[in-house]
Amino acid sequence: MNPIRRVALGLRRRWRSAGLRTWSRELQWRRVPAGFWMRLKPDDFMDYSYYFHEIDHAFYRDAPRLVRPGESAIDLGANKGFNAMVLARALGPRGRVLAVEPDPAVAAILAEHCERNGMPQIQIEPVAVGERNGQVEIALSKQVGWSSRYPNPMQEKYVSGTTSVPLRTVDSLVAGCDPPLRTIAFAKIDIEGSEGAALAGMRDTL
């Protein structure tokens, strides 16, 4: 990184850090460096990372190079939608993103983000994905993004309850898209321990 860019990034970080002092502890709309409006909390480490653009640098840099306008992408474990929005911007208005997020509260924030940022090409599915169709119980987490069928020891400390959600294979979700997805060029999977089950249910898609 050249010295001028390093200094500019340092000054931007200081300016944004000063702005944190004006935040309340409630969710509020903030514009992140990637250009998206997101509902964030200053005491959430994930939201802090979005605000300072310190998350998923490789994805942010490379995903737009791996898709072309008009194609489709799949985001399994969409969380608040940052990665889905990165893909949607690269795919353009004729592209499609199938965004899957099983945590009801997080899926609601994801929907708000898509609406606020004008991205109707993101299709949200509030379901879990796995090896079959049916119902499944997931552990809900107080930490956004950590709800899981199989919470690990670190995640177990943040479990706030459980809920039953639809379980779908990726193949069945793709087959049910209307209009159909064109040329699925990219798939991102980050679903807290269910990655193997998801792959078992997306053989046709792959």
C-alpha atoms as a PDB file:
ATOM      1  CA  MET A   1       0.000   0.000   0.000  1.00  0.00           C
ATOM      2  CA  ASN A   2       1.446   3.377  -0.954  1.00  0.00           C
ATOM      3  CA  PRO A   3       2.092   5.939   1.847  1.00  0.00           C
ATOM      4  CA  ILE A   4      -0.583   8.398   0.688  1.00  0.00           C
ATOM      5  CA  ARG A   5      -3.276   5.719   0.720  1.00  0.00           C
ATOM      6  CA  ARG A   6      -2.111   4.502   4.143  1.00  0.00           C
ATOM      7  CA  VAL A   7      -2.391   8.012   5.581  1.00  0.00           C
ATOM      8  CA  ALA A   8      -5.807   8.530   3.960  1.00  0.00           C
ATOM      9  CA  LEU A   9      -7.117   5.273   5.426  1.00  0.00           C
ATOM     10  CA  GLY A  10      -5.759   6.185   8.840  1.00  0.00           C
ATOM     11  CA  LEU A  11      -7.470   9.589   8.779  1.00  0.00           C
ATOM     12  CA  ARG A  12     -10.751   8.023   7.632  1.00  0.00           C
ATOM     13  CA  ARG A  13     -10.584   5.485  10.464  1.00  0.00           C
ATOM     14  CA  ARG A  14      -9.991   8.238  13.051  1.00  0.00           C
ATOM     15  CA  TRP A  15     -12.897  10.255  11.691  1.00  0.00           C
ATOM     16  CA  ARG A  16     -15.226   7.255  11.748  1.00  0.00           C
ATOM     17  CA  SER A  17     -14.005   6.256  15.234  1.00  0.00           C
ATOM     18  CA  ALA A  18     -14.918   9.709  16.521  1.00  0.00           C
ATOM     19  CA  GLY A  19     -18.376   9.253  15.041  1.00  0.00           C
ATOM     20  CA  LEU A  20     -18.951   6.133  17.149  1.00  0.00           C
ATOM     21  CA  ARG A  21     -19.278   8.335  20.234  1.00  0.00           C
ATOM     22  CA  THR A  22     -22.546   9.725  18.892  1.00  0.00           C
ATOM     23  CA  TRP A  23     -24.126   6.279  18.443  1.00  0.00           C
ATOM     24  CA  SER A  24     -26.766   4.929  20.760  1.00  0.00           C
ATOM     25  CA  ARG A  25     -26.730   1.213  21.594  1.00  0.00           C
ATOM     26  CA  GLU A  26     -29.750   0.575  19.368  1.00  0.00           C
ATOM     27  CA  LEU A  27     -29.730  -0.502  15.740  1.00  0.00           C
ATOM     28  CA  GLN A  28     -29.433   2.520  13.485  1.00  0.00           C
ATOM     29  CA  TRP A  29     -28.848   3.246   9.835  1.00  0.00           C
ATOM     30  CA  ARG A  30     -25.261   3.947   8.821  1.00  0.00           C
ATOM     31  CA  ARG A  31     -23.589   4.152   5.433  1.00  0.00           C
ATOM     32  CA  VAL A  32     -20.611   1.781   5.296  1.00  0.00           C
ATOM     33  CA  PRO A  33     -17.478   2.386   3.177  1.00  0.00           C
ATOM     34  CA  ALA A  34     -18.687  -0.146   0.586  1.00  0.00           C
ATOM     35  CA  GLY A  35     -21.491   2.308  -0.181  1.00  0.00           C
ATOM     36  CA  PHE A  36     -24.393   0.381   1.365  1.00  0.00           C
ATOM     37  CA  TRP A  37     -26.834   1.561   4.025  1.00  0.00           C
ATOM     38  CA  MET A  38     -26.934  -0.923   6.912  1.00  0.00           C
ATOM     39  CA  ARG A  39     -28.619  -1.072  10.328  1.00  0.00           C
ATOM     40  CA  LEU A  40     -25.714  -1.386  12.777  1.00  0.00           C
ATOM     41  CA  LYS A  41     -24.904  -1.382  16.496  1.00  0.00           C
ATOM     42  CA  PRO A  42     -21.561   0.001  17.692  1.00  0.00           C
ATOM     43  CA  ASP A  43     -21.079  -2.727  20.336  1.00  0.00           C
ATOM     44  CA  ASP A  44     -21.490  -5.604  17.844  1.00  0.00           C
ATOM     45  CA  PHE A  45     -18.072  -6.700  16.585  1.00  0.00           C
ATOM     46  CA  MET A  46     -19.490  -7.740  13.211  1.00  0.00           C
ATOM     47  CA  ASP A  47     -21.237  -4.389  12.746  1.00  0.00           C
ATOM     48  CA  TYR A  48     -18.049  -2.622  13.841  1.00  0.00           C
ATOM     49  CA  SER A  49     -16.217  -4.512  11.074  1.00  0.00           C
ATOM     50  CA  TYR A  50     -18.793  -3.520   8.452  1.00  0.00           C
ATOM     51  CA  TYR A  51     -18.514   0.104   9.546  1.00  0.00           C
ATOM     52  CA  PHE A  52     -14.714   0.127   9.242  1.00  0.00           C
ATOM     53  CA  HIS A  53     -14.610  -2.139   6.171  1.00  0.00           C
ATOM     54  CA  GLU A  54     -12.522  -4.720   8.029  1.00  0.00           C
ATOM     55  CA  ILE A  55     -14.404  -7.850   6.980  1.00  0.00           C
ATOM     56  CA  ASP A  56     -14.242 -10.215   3.996  1.00  0.00           C
ATOM     57  CA  HIS A  57     -11.686  -8.175   2.051  1.00  0.00           C
ATOM     58  CA  ALA A  58     -10.899 -11.048  -0.318  1.00  0.00           C
ATOM     59  CA  PHE A  59     -14.582 -11.593  -1.043  1.00  0.00           C
ATOM     60  CA  TYR A  60     -15.219  -7.888  -1.593  1.00  0.00           C
ATOM     61  CA  ARG A  61     -12.239  -7.693  -3.949  1.00  0.00           C
ATOM     62  CA  ASP A  62     -12.678 -10.927  -5.903  1.00  0.00           C
ATOM     63  CA  ALA A  63     -16.413 -11.718  -6.088  1.00  0.00           C
ATOM     64  CA  PRO A  64     -17.165  -8.981  -8.674  1.00  0.00           C
ATOM     65  CA  ARG A  65     -14.420 -10.440 -10.873  1.00  0.00           C
ATOM     66  CA  LEU A  66     -16.016 -13.898 -10.805  1.00  0.00           C
ATOM     67  CA  VAL A  67     -19.488 -12.941 -12.025  1.00  0.00           C
ATOM     68  CA  ARG A  68     -20.797 -11.025 -15.009  1.00  0.00           C
ATOM     69  CA  PRO A  69     -23.860  -8.776 -15.327  1.00  0.00           C
ATOM     70  CA  GLY A  70     -27.049 -10.763 -15.837  1.00  0.00           C
ATOM     71  CA  GLU A  71     -25.791 -13.954 -14.198  1.00  0.00           C
ATOM     72  CA  SER A  72     -26.978 -15.383 -10.870  1.00  0.00           C
ATOM     73  CA  ALA A  73     -25.362 -16.158  -7.523  1.00  0.00           C
ATOM     74  CA  ILE A  74     -26.286 -17.980  -4.322  1.00  0.00           C
ATOM     75  CA  ASP A  75     -25.527 -16.712  -0.811  1.00  0.00           C
ATOM     76  CA  LEU A  76     -26.098 -19.377   1.854  1.00  0.00           C
ATOM     77  CA  GLY A  77     -25.931 -17.772   5.277  1.00  0.00           C
ATOM     78  CA  ALA A  78     -26.668 -14.276   4.038  1.00  0.00           C
ATOM     79  CA  ASN A  79     -26.651 -12.674   7.496  1.00  0.00           C
ATOM     80  CA  LYS A  80     -27.426  -8.939   7.113  1.00  0.00           C
ATOM     81  CA  GLY A  81     -26.776  -9.104   3.385  1.00  0.00           C
ATOM     82  CA  PHE A  82     -23.380  -7.445   2.931  1.00  0.00           C
ATOM     83  CA  ASN A  83     -22.062 -10.178   0.631  1.00  0.00           C
ATOM     84  CA  ALA A  84     -25.397 -10.535  -1.166  1.00  0.00           C
ATOM     85  CA  MET A  85     -25.348  -6.807  -1.901  1.00  0.00           C
ATOM     86  CA  VAL A  86     -21.750  -6.987  -3.155  1.00  0.00           C
ATOM     87  CA  LEU A  87     -22.856  -9.725  -5.556  1.00  0.00           C
ATOM     88  CA  ALA A  88     -26.061  -7.929  -6.564  1.00  0.00           C
ATOM     89  CA  ARG A  89     -24.120  -4.781  -7.438  1.00  0.00           C
ATOM     90  CA  ALA A  90     -21.727  -6.802  -9.605  1.00  0.00           C
ATOM     91  CA  LEU A  91     -24.540  -8.752 -11.298  1.00  0.00           C
ATOM     92  CA  GLY A  92     -26.548  -5.636 -12.081  1.00  0.00           C
ATOM     93  CA  PRO A  93     -30.321  -5.168 -12.284  1.00  0.00           C
ATOM     94  CA  ARG A  94     -30.751  -8.143 -14.637  1.00  0.00           C
ATOM     95  CA  GLY A  95     -28.827 -10.471 -12.330  1.00  0.00           C
ATOM     96  CA  ARG A  96     -30.238 -12.460  -9.421  1.00  0.00           C
ATOM     97  CA  VAL A  97     -29.013 -13.386  -5.954  1.00  0.00           C
ATOM     98  CA  LEU A  98     -30.678 -16.181  -3.983  1.00  0.00           C
ATOM     99  CA  ALA A  99     -30.000 -15.181  -0.352  1.00  0.00           C
ATOM    100  CA  VAL A 100     -30.756 -17.766   2.343  1.00  0.00           C
ATOM    101  CA  GLU A 101     -30.960 -16.759   6.036  1.00  0.00           C
ATOM    102  CA  PRO A 102     -32.840 -18.948   8.566  1.00  0.00           C
ATOM    103  CA  ASP A 103     -32.728 -16.665  11.632  1.00  0.00           C
ATOM    104  CA  PRO A 104     -36.069 -14.779  11.477  1.00  0.00           C
ATOM    105  CA  ALA A 105     -34.761 -11.605  13.134  1.00  0.00           C
ATOM    106  CA  VAL A 106     -31.707 -11.439  10.888  1.00  0.00           C
ATOM    107  CA  ALA A 107     -33.738 -12.213   7.760  1.00  0.00           C
ATOM    108  CA  ALA A 108     -35.936  -9.205   8.615  1.00  0.00           C
ATOM    109  CA  ILE A 109     -32.873  -6.923   8.753  1.00  0.00           C
ATOM    110  CA  LEU A 110     -31.642  -8.444   5.484  1.00  0.00           C
ATOM    111  CA  ALA A 111     -34.964  -7.548   3.849  1.00  0.00           C
ATOM    112  CA  GLU A 112     -34.694  -3.961   5.151  1.00  0.00           C
ATOM    113  CA  HIS A 113     -31.192  -3.667   3.714  1.00  0.00           C
ATOM    114  CA  CYS A 114     -32.295  -4.898   0.302  1.00  0.00           C
ATOM    115  CA  GLU A 115     -35.165  -2.415   0.248  1.00  0.00           C
ATOM    116  CA  ARG A 116     -33.131   0.570   1.519  1.00  0.00           C
ATOM    117  CA  ASN A 117     -30.361  -0.082  -1.023  1.00  0.00           C
ATOM    118  CA  GLY A 118     -32.759  -0.648  -3.929  1.00  0.00           C
ATOM    119  CA  MET A 119     -31.822  -4.260  -4.683  1.00  0.00           C
ATOM    120  CA  PRO A 120     -34.962  -6.153  -5.706  1.00  0.00           C
ATOM    121  CA  GLN A 121     -32.781  -8.659  -7.572  1.00  0.00           C
ATOM    122  CA  ILE A 122     -31.977 -10.269  -4.190  1.00  0.00           C
ATOM    123  CA  GLN A 123     -34.502 -13.042  -3.464  1.00  0.00           C
ATOM    124  CA  ILE A 124     -34.603 -13.834   0.258  1.00  0.00           C
ATOM    125  CA  GLU A 125     -35.441 -17.333   1.502  1.00  0.00           C
ATOM    126  CA  PRO A 126     -35.912 -17.439   5.326  1.00  0.00           C
ATOM    127  CA  VAL A 127     -35.099 -21.150   5.590  1.00  0.00           C
ATOM    128  CA  ALA A 128     -32.274 -23.448   6.623  1.00  0.00           C
ATOM    129  CA  VAL A 129     -30.566 -25.472   3.907  1.00  0.00           C
ATOM    130  CA  GLY A 130     -29.530 -29.079   4.193  1.00  0.00           C
ATOM    131  CA  GLU A 131     -29.676 -32.590   2.822  1.00  0.00           C
ATOM    132  CA  ARG A 132     -33.491 -32.909   2.654  1.00  0.00           C
ATOM    133  CA  ASN A 133     -36.756 -30.970   2.741  1.00  0.00           C
ATOM    134  CA  GLY A 134     -38.704 -30.756   5.998  1.00  0.00           C
ATOM    135  CA  GLN A 135     -38.473 -28.879   9.288  1.00  0.00           C
ATOM    136  CA  VAL A 136     -35.475 -28.433  11.563  1.00  0.00           C
ATOM    137  CA  GLU A 137     -34.729 -26.825  14.917  1.00  0.00           C
ATOM    138  CA  ILE A 138     -32.011 -24.185  15.059  1.00  0.00           C
ATOM    139  CA  ALA A 139     -30.362 -22.581  18.071  1.00  0.00           C
ATOM    140  CA  LEU A 140     -30.893 -18.826  17.988  1.00  0.00           C
ATOM    141  CA  SER A 141     -27.915 -16.693  18.967  1.00  0.00           C
ATOM    142  CA  LYS A 142     -27.664 -13.312  20.642  1.00  0.00           C
ATOM    143  CA  GLN A 143     -24.713 -12.709  18.310  1.00  0.00           C
ATOM    144  CA  VAL A 144     -26.051 -11.935  14.842  1.00  0.00           C
ATOM    145  CA  GLY A 145     -24.830 -14.525  12.360  1.00  0.00           C
ATOM    146  CA  TRP A 146     -24.201 -17.339  14.851  1.00  0.00           C
ATOM    147  CA  SER A 147     -27.598 -19.084  14.848  1.00  0.00           C
ATOM    148  CA  SER A 148     -26.981 -22.702  13.934  1.00  0.00           C
ATOM    149  CA  ARG A 149     -28.234 -26.281  13.765  1.00  0.00           C
ATOM    150  CA  TYR A 150     -24.946 -27.308  15.358  1.00  0.00           C
ATOM    151  CA  PRO A 151     -23.680 -24.553  17.684  1.00  0.00           C
ATOM    152  CA  ASN A 152     -20.027 -25.021  18.626  1.00  0.00           C
ATOM    153  CA  PRO A 153     -18.771 -24.525  22.215  1.00  0.00           C
ATOM    154  CA  MET A 154     -18.032 -20.831  21.659  1.00  0.00           C
ATOM    155  CA  GLN A 155     -21.468 -20.229  20.115  1.00  0.00           C
ATOM    156  CA  GLU A 156     -23.302 -22.150  22.855  1.00  0.00           C
ATOM    157  CA  LYS A 157     -22.585 -19.327  25.318  1.00  0.00           C
ATOM    158  CA  TYR A 158     -24.681 -16.967  23.162  1.00  0.00           C
ATOM    159  CA  VAL A 159     -27.688 -19.218  22.521  1.00  0.00           C
ATOM    160  CA  SER A 160     -30.897 -17.401  23.444  1.00  0.00           C
ATOM    161  CA  GLY A 161     -33.437 -20.086  22.513  1.00  0.00           C
ATOM    162  CA  THR A 162     -34.506 -22.361  19.710  1.00  0.00           C
ATOM    163  CA  THR A 163     -37.022 -22.206  16.889  1.00  0.00           C
ATOM    164  CA  SER A 164     -38.295 -24.491  14.153  1.00  0.00           C
ATOM    165  CA  VAL A 165     -37.742 -23.344  10.569  1.00  0.00           C
ATOM    166  CA  PRO A 166     -38.299 -24.926   7.153  1.00  0.00           C
ATOM    167  CA  LEU A 167     -35.392 -27.041   5.917  1.00  0.00           C
ATOM    168  CA  ARG A 168     -34.870 -27.052   2.160  1.00  0.00           C
ATOM    169  CA  THR A 169     -32.313 -28.427  -0.231  1.00  0.00           C
ATOM    170  CA  VAL A 170     -30.595 -25.859  -2.398  1.00  0.00           C
ATOM    171  CA  ASP A 171     -31.717 -27.864  -5.429  1.00  0.00           C
ATOM    172  CA  SER A 172     -35.390 -27.426  -4.450  1.00  0.00           C
ATOM    173  CA  LEU A 173     -34.919 -23.689  -3.804  1.00  0.00           C
ATOM    174  CA  VAL A 174     -33.266 -23.181  -7.175  1.00  0.00           C
ATOM    175  CA  ALA A 175     -35.944 -25.228  -8.940  1.00  0.00           C
ATOM    176  CA  GLY A 176     -38.653 -23.090  -7.327  1.00  0.00           C
ATOM    177  CA  CYS A 177     -37.225 -19.702  -8.307  1.00  0.00           C
ATOM    178  CA  ASP A 178     -39.606 -17.650 -10.431  1.00  0.00           C
ATOM    179  CA  PRO A 179     -38.270 -16.353 -12.723  1.00  0.00           C
ATOM    180  CA  PRO A 180     -35.649 -19.094 -12.980  1.00  0.00           C
ATOM    181  CA  LEU A 181     -32.040 -18.304 -12.108  1.00  0.00           C
ATOM    182  CA  ARG A 182     -29.858 -17.758 -15.155  1.00  0.00           C
ATOM    183  CA  THR A 183     -26.285 -19.105 -15.215  1.00  0.00           C
ATOM    184  CA  ILE A 184     -25.437 -19.641 -11.564  1.00  0.00           C
ATOM    185  CA  ALA A 185     -21.869 -18.360 -11.607  1.00  0.00           C
ATOM    186  CA  PHE A 186     -21.043 -18.189  -7.906  1.00  0.00           C
ATOM    187  CA  ALA A 187     -22.063 -19.710  -4.574  1.00  0.00           C
ATOM    188  CA  LYS A 188     -20.944 -18.619  -1.116  1.00  0.00           C
ATOM    189  CA  ILE A 189     -21.574 -20.927   1.869  1.00  0.00           C
ATOM    190  CA  ASP A 190     -21.139 -19.827   5.497  1.00  0.00           C
ATOM    191  CA  ILE A 191     -23.790 -21.598   7.559  1.00  0.00           C
ATOM    192  CA  GLU A 192     -22.244 -22.355  10.920  1.00  0.00           C
ATOM    193  CA  GLY A 193     -21.518 -26.056  10.630  1.00  0.00           C
ATOM    194  CA  SER A 194     -24.155 -27.112   8.080  1.00  0.00           C
ATOM    195  CA  GLU A 195     -21.936 -26.729   5.017  1.00  0.00           C
ATOM    196  CA  GLY A 196     -21.659 -30.474   4.368  1.00  0.00           C
ATOM    197  CA  ALA A 197     -25.413 -30.961   4.582  1.00  0.00           C
ATOM    198  CA  ALA A 198     -25.960 -28.055   2.200  1.00  0.00           C
ATOM    199  CA  LEU A 199     -23.574 -29.538  -0.351  1.00  0.00           C
ATOM    200  CA  ALA A 200     -25.404 -32.874  -0.134  1.00  0.00           C
ATOM    201  CA  GLY A 201     -28.595 -31.057  -1.112  1.00  0.00           C
ATOM    202  CA  MET A 202     -27.195 -29.116  -4.069  1.00  0.00           C
ATOM    203  CA  ARG A 203     -25.829 -31.831  -6.337  1.00  0.00           C
ATOM    204  CA  ASP A 204     -28.020 -30.823  -9.274  1.00  0.00           C
ATOM    205  CA  THR A 205     -27.143 -27.155  -8.825  1.00  0.00           C
ATOM    206  CA  LEU A 206     -23.432 -27.937  -8.761  1.00  0.00           C
END
